[in-house]
Amino acid sequence: MIGFFSGLGMQELIVIFLVVLLLFGAKRIPDIATGIGRGIRDFKKAVKDTKEEITSDDPNPEKLDEKKND
């Protein structure tokens, strides 16, 4: 995330913040931030669950072949 902002100076960040403030208003910014945070958290949880599901599978292909033949 820091790499994204590395090319931006303080003046550019202030302008971006002011544009966001004008577009959404001061009252909606916390709601937007909460929604973004919740989305990121849910995405990370889904990635973690998928990794656990993939790694918990039995890596022994012989047993998989036996199950297919049954």
PDB file of N, CA and C in Angstrom:
ATOM      1  N   MET A   1       0.822  -1.185   0.000  1.00  0.00           N
ATOM      2  CA  MET A   1       0.000   0.000   0.000  1.00  0.00           C
ATOM      3  C   MET A   1       0.865   1.247   0.000  1.00  0.00           C
ATOM      4  N   ILE A   2       1.967   1.205   0.707  1.00  0.00           N
ATOM      5  CA  ILE A   2       2.845   2.362   0.758  1.00  0.00           C
ATOM      6  C   ILE A   2       3.449   2.606  -0.617  1.00  0.00           C
ATOM      7  N   GLY A   3       3.717   1.549  -1.374  1.00  0.00           N
ATOM      8  CA  GLY A   3       4.260   1.697  -2.714  1.00  0.00           C
ATOM      9  C   GLY A   3       3.327   2.478  -3.622  1.00  0.00           C
ATOM     10  N   PHE A   4       2.043   2.372  -3.400  1.00  0.00           N
ATOM     11  CA  PHE A   4       1.058   3.101  -4.194  1.00  0.00           C
ATOM     12  C   PHE A   4       1.184   4.604  -3.969  1.00  0.00           C
ATOM     13  N   PHE A   5       1.413   4.999  -2.730  1.00  0.00           N
ATOM     14  CA  PHE A   5       1.498   6.411  -2.391  1.00  0.00           C
ATOM     15  C   PHE A   5       2.912   6.979  -2.499  1.00  0.00           C
ATOM     16  N   SER A   6       3.878   6.173  -2.858  1.00  0.00           N
ATOM     17  CA  SER A   6       5.257   6.646  -2.864  1.00  0.00           C
ATOM     18  C   SER A   6       5.498   7.744  -3.901  1.00  0.00           C
ATOM     19  N   GLY A   7       4.732   7.768  -4.982  1.00  0.00           N
ATOM     20  CA  GLY A   7       4.915   8.776  -6.011  1.00  0.00           C
ATOM     21  C   GLY A   7       4.115  10.044  -5.753  1.00  0.00           C
ATOM     22  N   LEU A   8       3.301  10.044  -4.697  1.00  0.00           N
ATOM     23  CA  LEU A   8       2.452  11.196  -4.395  1.00  0.00           C
ATOM     24  C   LEU A   8       3.056  12.022  -3.269  1.00  0.00           C
ATOM     25  N   GLY A   9       3.013  13.334  -3.459  1.00  0.00           N
ATOM     26  CA  GLY A   9       3.487  14.222  -2.407  1.00  0.00           C
ATOM     27  C   GLY A   9       2.353  14.603  -1.470  1.00  0.00           C
ATOM     28  N   MET A  10       2.671  15.391  -0.468  1.00  0.00           N
ATOM     29  CA  MET A  10       1.674  15.792   0.517  1.00  0.00           C
ATOM     30  C   MET A  10       0.579  16.648  -0.126  1.00  0.00           C
ATOM     31  N   GLN A  11       0.950  17.504  -1.056  1.00  0.00           N
ATOM     32  CA  GLN A  11      -0.046  18.360  -1.703  1.00  0.00           C
ATOM     33  C   GLN A  11      -1.055  17.533  -2.498  1.00  0.00           C
ATOM     34  N   GLU A  12      -0.588  16.521  -3.205  1.00  0.00           N
ATOM     35  CA  GLU A  12      -1.490  15.668  -3.969  1.00  0.00           C
ATOM     36  C   GLU A  12      -2.439  14.903  -3.062  1.00  0.00           C
ATOM     37  N   LEU A  13      -1.929  14.389  -1.939  1.00  0.00           N
ATOM     38  CA  LEU A  13      -2.778  13.666  -0.995  1.00  0.00           C
ATOM     39  C   LEU A  13      -3.854  14.572  -0.400  1.00  0.00           C
ATOM     40  N   ILE A  14      -3.500  15.819  -0.121  1.00  0.00           N
ATOM     41  CA  ILE A  14      -4.478  16.772   0.411  1.00  0.00           C
ATOM     42  C   ILE A  14      -5.565  17.046  -0.622  1.00  0.00           C
ATOM     43  N   VAL A  15      -5.182  17.214  -1.876  1.00  0.00           N
ATOM     44  CA  VAL A  15      -6.160  17.453  -2.940  1.00  0.00           C
ATOM     45  C   VAL A  15      -7.090  16.248  -3.085  1.00  0.00           C
ATOM     46  N   ILE A  16      -6.532  15.045  -3.060  1.00  0.00           N
ATOM     47  CA  ILE A  16      -7.353  13.831  -3.153  1.00  0.00           C
ATOM     48  C   ILE A  16      -8.319  13.762  -1.983  1.00  0.00           C
ATOM     49  N   PHE A  17      -7.847  14.040  -0.789  1.00  0.00           N
ATOM     50  CA  PHE A  17      -8.708  14.016   0.392  1.00  0.00           C
ATOM     51  C   PHE A  17      -9.843  15.037   0.269  1.00  0.00           C
ATOM     52  N   LEU A  18      -9.533  16.231  -0.203  1.00  0.00           N
ATOM     53  CA  LEU A  18     -10.561  17.262  -0.349  1.00  0.00           C
ATOM     54  C   LEU A  18     -11.600  16.877  -1.400  1.00  0.00           C
ATOM     55  N   VAL A  19     -11.172  16.259  -2.485  1.00  0.00           N
ATOM     56  CA  VAL A  19     -12.114  15.816  -3.511  1.00  0.00           C
ATOM     57  C   VAL A  19     -13.042  14.740  -2.945  1.00  0.00           C
ATOM     58  N   VAL A  20     -12.480  13.795  -2.210  1.00  0.00           N
ATOM     59  CA  VAL A  20     -13.303  12.750  -1.584  1.00  0.00           C
ATOM     60  C   VAL A  20     -14.271  13.375  -0.591  1.00  0.00           C
ATOM     61  N   LEU A  21     -13.798  14.332   0.179  1.00  0.00           N
ATOM     62  CA  LEU A  21     -14.652  15.015   1.153  1.00  0.00           C
ATOM     63  C   LEU A  21     -15.800  15.739   0.459  1.00  0.00           C
ATOM     64  N   LEU A  22     -15.522  16.382  -0.662  1.00  0.00           N
ATOM     65  CA  LEU A  22     -16.575  17.081  -1.401  1.00  0.00           C
ATOM     66  C   LEU A  22     -17.564  16.115  -2.044  1.00  0.00           C
ATOM     67  N   LEU A  23     -17.063  15.010  -2.562  1.00  0.00           N
ATOM     68  CA  LEU A  23     -17.940  14.050  -3.238  1.00  0.00           C
ATOM     69  C   LEU A  23     -18.867  13.318  -2.273  1.00  0.00           C
ATOM     70  N   PHE A  24     -18.347  12.894  -1.145  1.00  0.00           N
ATOM     71  CA  PHE A  24     -19.113  12.033  -0.255  1.00  0.00           C
ATOM     72  C   PHE A  24     -19.621  12.733   0.996  1.00  0.00           C
ATOM     73  N   GLY A  25     -19.014  13.813   1.385  1.00  0.00           N
ATOM     74  CA  GLY A  25     -19.422  14.493   2.601  1.00  0.00           C
ATOM     75  C   GLY A  25     -18.750  13.892   3.823  1.00  0.00           C
ATOM     76  N   ALA A  26     -18.666  14.691   4.868  1.00  0.00           N
ATOM     77  CA  ALA A  26     -17.946  14.263   6.071  1.00  0.00           C
ATOM     78  C   ALA A  26     -18.658  13.129   6.800  1.00  0.00           C
ATOM     79  N   LYS A  27     -19.977  13.078   6.700  1.00  0.00           N
ATOM     80  CA  LYS A  27     -20.716  12.047   7.437  1.00  0.00           C
ATOM     81  C   LYS A  27     -20.630  10.671   6.793  1.00  0.00           C
ATOM     82  N   ARG A  28     -20.435  10.611   5.499  1.00  0.00           N
ATOM     83  CA  ARG A  28     -20.412   9.311   4.811  1.00  0.00           C
ATOM     84  C   ARG A  28     -19.036   8.679   4.775  1.00  0.00           C
ATOM     85  N   ILE A  29     -17.989   9.437   4.984  1.00  0.00           N
ATOM     86  CA  ILE A  29     -16.626   8.895   4.896  1.00  0.00           C
ATOM     87  C   ILE A  29     -16.391   7.767   5.916  1.00  0.00           C
ATOM     88  N   PRO A  30     -16.801   7.893   7.185  1.00  0.00           N
ATOM     89  CA  PRO A  30     -16.618   6.764   8.109  1.00  0.00           C
ATOM     90  C   PRO A  30     -17.381   5.510   7.681  1.00  0.00           C
ATOM     91  N   ASP A  31     -18.579   5.689   7.127  1.00  0.00           N
ATOM     92  CA  ASP A  31     -19.343   4.528   6.645  1.00  0.00           C
ATOM     93  C   ASP A  31     -18.632   3.847   5.485  1.00  0.00           C
ATOM     94  N   ILE A  32     -18.091   4.650   4.590  1.00  0.00           N
ATOM     95  CA  ILE A  32     -17.355   4.096   3.446  1.00  0.00           C
ATOM     96  C   ILE A  32     -16.116   3.350   3.929  1.00  0.00           C
ATOM     97  N   ALA A  33     -15.391   3.950   4.868  1.00  0.00           N
ATOM     98  CA  ALA A  33     -14.176   3.307   5.402  1.00  0.00           C
ATOM     99  C   ALA A  33     -14.526   1.998   6.109  1.00  0.00           C
ATOM    100  N   THR A  34     -15.633   1.994   6.852  1.00  0.00           N
ATOM    101  CA  THR A  34     -16.070   0.769   7.534  1.00  0.00           C
ATOM    102  C   THR A  34     -16.398  -0.317   6.520  1.00  0.00           C
ATOM    103  N   GLY A  35     -17.103   0.048   5.464  1.00  0.00           N
ATOM    104  CA  GLY A  35     -17.444  -0.926   4.426  1.00  0.00           C
ATOM    105  C   GLY A  35     -16.219  -1.479   3.728  1.00  0.00           C
ATOM    106  N   ILE A  36     -15.260  -0.616   3.443  1.00  0.00           N
ATOM    107  CA  ILE A  36     -14.019  -1.066   2.802  1.00  0.00           C
ATOM    108  C   ILE A  36     -13.258  -2.008   3.733  1.00  0.00           C
ATOM    109  N   GLY A  37     -13.167  -1.639   5.003  1.00  0.00           N
ATOM    110  CA  GLY A  37     -12.477  -2.493   5.981  1.00  0.00           C
ATOM    111  C   GLY A  37     -13.134  -3.852   6.115  1.00  0.00           C
ATOM    112  N   ARG A  38     -14.461  -3.865   6.149  1.00  0.00           N
ATOM    113  CA  ARG A  38     -15.199  -5.132   6.259  1.00  0.00           C
ATOM    114  C   ARG A  38     -14.962  -5.982   5.016  1.00  0.00           C
ATOM    115  N   GLY A  39     -14.955  -5.351   3.849  1.00  0.00           N
ATOM    116  CA  GLY A  39     -14.712  -6.093   2.613  1.00  0.00           C
ATOM    117  C   GLY A  39     -13.321  -6.696   2.571  1.00  0.00           C
ATOM    118  N   ILE A  40     -12.333  -5.938   3.001  1.00  0.00           N
ATOM    119  CA  ILE A  40     -10.953  -6.447   3.033  1.00  0.00           C
ATOM    120  C   ILE A  40     -10.841  -7.602   4.017  1.00  0.00           C
ATOM    121  N   ARG A  41     -11.461  -7.457   5.190  1.00  0.00           N
ATOM    122  CA  ARG A  41     -11.425  -8.521   6.205  1.00  0.00           C
ATOM    123  C   ARG A  41     -12.082  -9.798   5.681  1.00  0.00           C
ATOM    124  N   ASP A  42     -13.241  -9.666   5.033  1.00  0.00           N
ATOM    125  CA  ASP A  42     -13.925 -10.835   4.479  1.00  0.00           C
ATOM    126  C   ASP A  42     -13.105 -11.493   3.382  1.00  0.00           C
ATOM    127  N   PHE A  43     -12.460 -10.674   2.547  1.00  0.00           N
ATOM    128  CA  PHE A  43     -11.623 -11.223   1.482  1.00  0.00           C
ATOM    129  C   PHE A  43     -10.450 -12.003   2.060  1.00  0.00           C
ATOM    130  N   LYS A  44      -9.780 -11.437   3.063  1.00  0.00           N
ATOM    131  CA  LYS A  44      -8.638 -12.128   3.682  1.00  0.00           C
ATOM    132  C   LYS A  44      -9.079 -13.434   4.331  1.00  0.00           C
ATOM    133  N   LYS A  45     -10.254 -13.434   4.957  1.00  0.00           N
ATOM    134  CA  LYS A  45     -10.776 -14.651   5.586  1.00  0.00           C
ATOM    135  C   LYS A  45     -11.061 -15.712   4.522  1.00  0.00           C
ATOM    136  N   ALA A  46     -11.630 -15.299   3.403  1.00  0.00           N
ATOM    137  CA  ALA A  46     -11.913 -16.245   2.325  1.00  0.00           C
ATOM    138  C   ALA A  46     -10.631 -16.833   1.755  1.00  0.00           C
ATOM    139  N   VAL A  47      -9.602 -16.012   1.597  1.00  0.00           N
ATOM    140  CA  VAL A  47      -8.315 -16.501   1.097  1.00  0.00           C
ATOM    141  C   VAL A  47      -7.713 -17.492   2.088  1.00  0.00           C
ATOM    142  N   LYS A  48      -7.787 -17.165   3.372  1.00  0.00           N
ATOM    143  CA  LYS A  48      -7.244 -18.060   4.403  1.00  0.00           C
ATOM    144  C   LYS A  48      -7.996 -19.382   4.422  1.00  0.00           C
ATOM    145  N   ASP A  49      -9.333 -19.323   4.355  1.00  0.00           N
ATOM    146  CA  ASP A  49     -10.127 -20.551   4.357  1.00  0.00           C
ATOM    147  C   ASP A  49      -9.830 -21.409   3.136  1.00  0.00           C
ATOM    148  N   THR A  50      -9.653 -20.773   1.994  1.00  0.00           N
ATOM    149  CA  THR A  50      -9.344 -21.519   0.776  1.00  0.00           C
ATOM    150  C   THR A  50      -7.976 -22.179   0.875  1.00  0.00           C
ATOM    151  N   LYS A  51      -6.990 -21.458   1.410  1.00  0.00           N
ATOM    152  CA  LYS A  51      -5.659 -22.050   1.584  1.00  0.00           C
ATOM    153  C   LYS A  51      -5.718 -23.242   2.526  1.00  0.00           C
ATOM    154  N   GLU A  52      -6.468 -23.108   3.628  1.00  0.00           N
ATOM    155  CA  GLU A  52      -6.591 -24.220   4.578  1.00  0.00           C
ATOM    156  C   GLU A  52      -7.277 -25.413   3.929  1.00  0.00           C
ATOM    157  N   GLU A  53      -8.294 -25.154   3.114  1.00  0.00           N
ATOM    158  CA  GLU A  53      -9.006 -26.236   2.445  1.00  0.00           C
ATOM    159  C   GLU A  53      -8.097 -26.958   1.464  1.00  0.00           C
ATOM    160  N   ILE A  54      -7.280 -26.210   0.755  1.00  0.00           N
ATOM    161  CA  ILE A  54      -6.378 -26.815  -0.224  1.00  0.00           C
ATOM    162  C   ILE A  54      -5.293 -27.627   0.481  1.00  0.00           C
ATOM    163  N   THR A  55      -4.708 -27.078   1.550  1.00  0.00           N
ATOM    164  CA  THR A  55      -3.618 -27.776   2.226  1.00  0.00           C
ATOM    165  C   THR A  55      -4.109 -28.917   3.096  1.00  0.00           C
ATOM    166  N   SER A  56      -5.383 -28.942   3.466  1.00  0.00           N
ATOM    167  CA  SER A  56      -5.873 -30.023   4.319  1.00  0.00           C
ATOM    168  C   SER A  56      -6.228 -31.262   3.515  1.00  0.00           C
ATOM    169  N   ASP A  57      -6.304 -31.147   2.188  1.00  0.00           N
ATOM    170  CA  ASP A  57      -6.574 -32.320   1.357  1.00  0.00           C
ATOM    171  C   ASP A  57      -5.420 -33.294   1.459  1.00  0.00           C
ATOM    172  N   ASP A  58      -5.741 -34.588   1.341  1.00  0.00           N
ATOM    173  CA  ASP A  58      -4.719 -35.620   1.420  1.00  0.00           C
ATOM    174  C   ASP A  58      -3.889 -35.599   0.141  1.00  0.00           C
ATOM    175  N   PRO A  59      -2.591 -35.310   0.254  1.00  0.00           N
ATOM    176  CA  PRO A  59      -1.763 -35.198  -0.943  1.00  0.00           C
ATOM    177  C   PRO A  59      -1.379 -36.543  -1.558  1.00  0.00           C
ATOM    178  N   ASN A  60      -1.783 -37.666  -0.946  1.00  0.00           N
ATOM    179  CA  ASN A  60      -1.407 -38.984  -1.441  1.00  0.00           C
ATOM    180  C   ASN A  60      -2.316 -39.358  -2.613  1.00  0.00           C
ATOM    181  N   PRO A  61      -1.823 -39.346  -3.858  1.00  0.00           N
ATOM    182  CA  PRO A  61      -2.671 -39.616  -5.017  1.00  0.00           C
ATOM    183  C   PRO A  61      -3.163 -41.056  -5.086  1.00  0.00           C
ATOM    184  N   GLU A  62      -2.444 -42.007  -4.449  1.00  0.00           N
ATOM    185  CA  GLU A  62      -2.879 -43.405  -4.465  1.00  0.00           C
ATOM    186  C   GLU A  62      -4.215 -43.558  -3.767  1.00  0.00           C
ATOM    187  N   LYS A  63      -4.401 -42.871  -2.662  1.00  0.00           N
ATOM    188  CA  LYS A  63      -5.659 -42.944  -1.942  1.00  0.00           C
ATOM    189  C   LYS A  63      -6.790 -42.314  -2.763  1.00  0.00           C
ATOM    190  N   LEU A  64      -6.464 -41.269  -3.517  1.00  0.00           N
ATOM    191  CA  LEU A  64      -7.471 -40.646  -4.356  1.00  0.00           C
ATOM    192  C   LEU A  64      -7.906 -41.603  -5.449  1.00  0.00           C
ATOM    193  N   ASP A  65      -6.956 -42.368  -6.040  1.00  0.00           N
ATOM    194  CA  ASP A  65      -7.292 -43.338  -7.073  1.00  0.00           C
ATOM    195  C   ASP A  65      -8.183 -44.444  -6.515  1.00  0.00           C
ATOM    196  N   GLU A  66      -7.882 -44.879  -5.266  1.00  0.00           N
ATOM    197  CA  GLU A  66      -8.701 -45.922  -4.631  1.00  0.00           C
ATOM    198  C   GLU A  66     -10.132 -45.439  -4.427  1.00  0.00           C
ATOM    199  N   LYS A  67     -10.285 -44.185  -4.043  1.00  0.00           N
ATOM    200  CA  LYS A  67     -11.622 -43.648  -3.831  1.00  0.00           C
ATOM    201  C   LYS A  67     -12.405 -43.577  -5.141  1.00  0.00           C
ATOM    202  N   LYS A  68     -11.713 -43.274  -6.240  1.00  0.00           N
ATOM    203  CA  LYS A  68     -12.378 -43.200  -7.533  1.00  0.00           C
ATOM    204  C   LYS A  68     -12.848 -44.573  -8.002  1.00  0.00           C
ATOM    205  N   ASN A  69     -12.069 -45.618  -7.684  1.00  0.00           N
ATOM    206  CA  ASN A  69     -12.390 -46.963  -8.132  1.00  0.00           C
ATOM    207  C   ASN A  69     -13.521 -47.576  -7.321  1.00  0.00           C
ATOM    208  N   ASP A  70     -13.797 -47.082  -6.132  1.00  0.00           N
ATOM    209  CA  ASP A  70     -14.866 -47.655  -5.283  1.00  0.00           C
ATOM    210  C   ASP A  70     -16.228 -47.365  -5.784  1.00  0.00           C
TER     211      ASP A  70
END
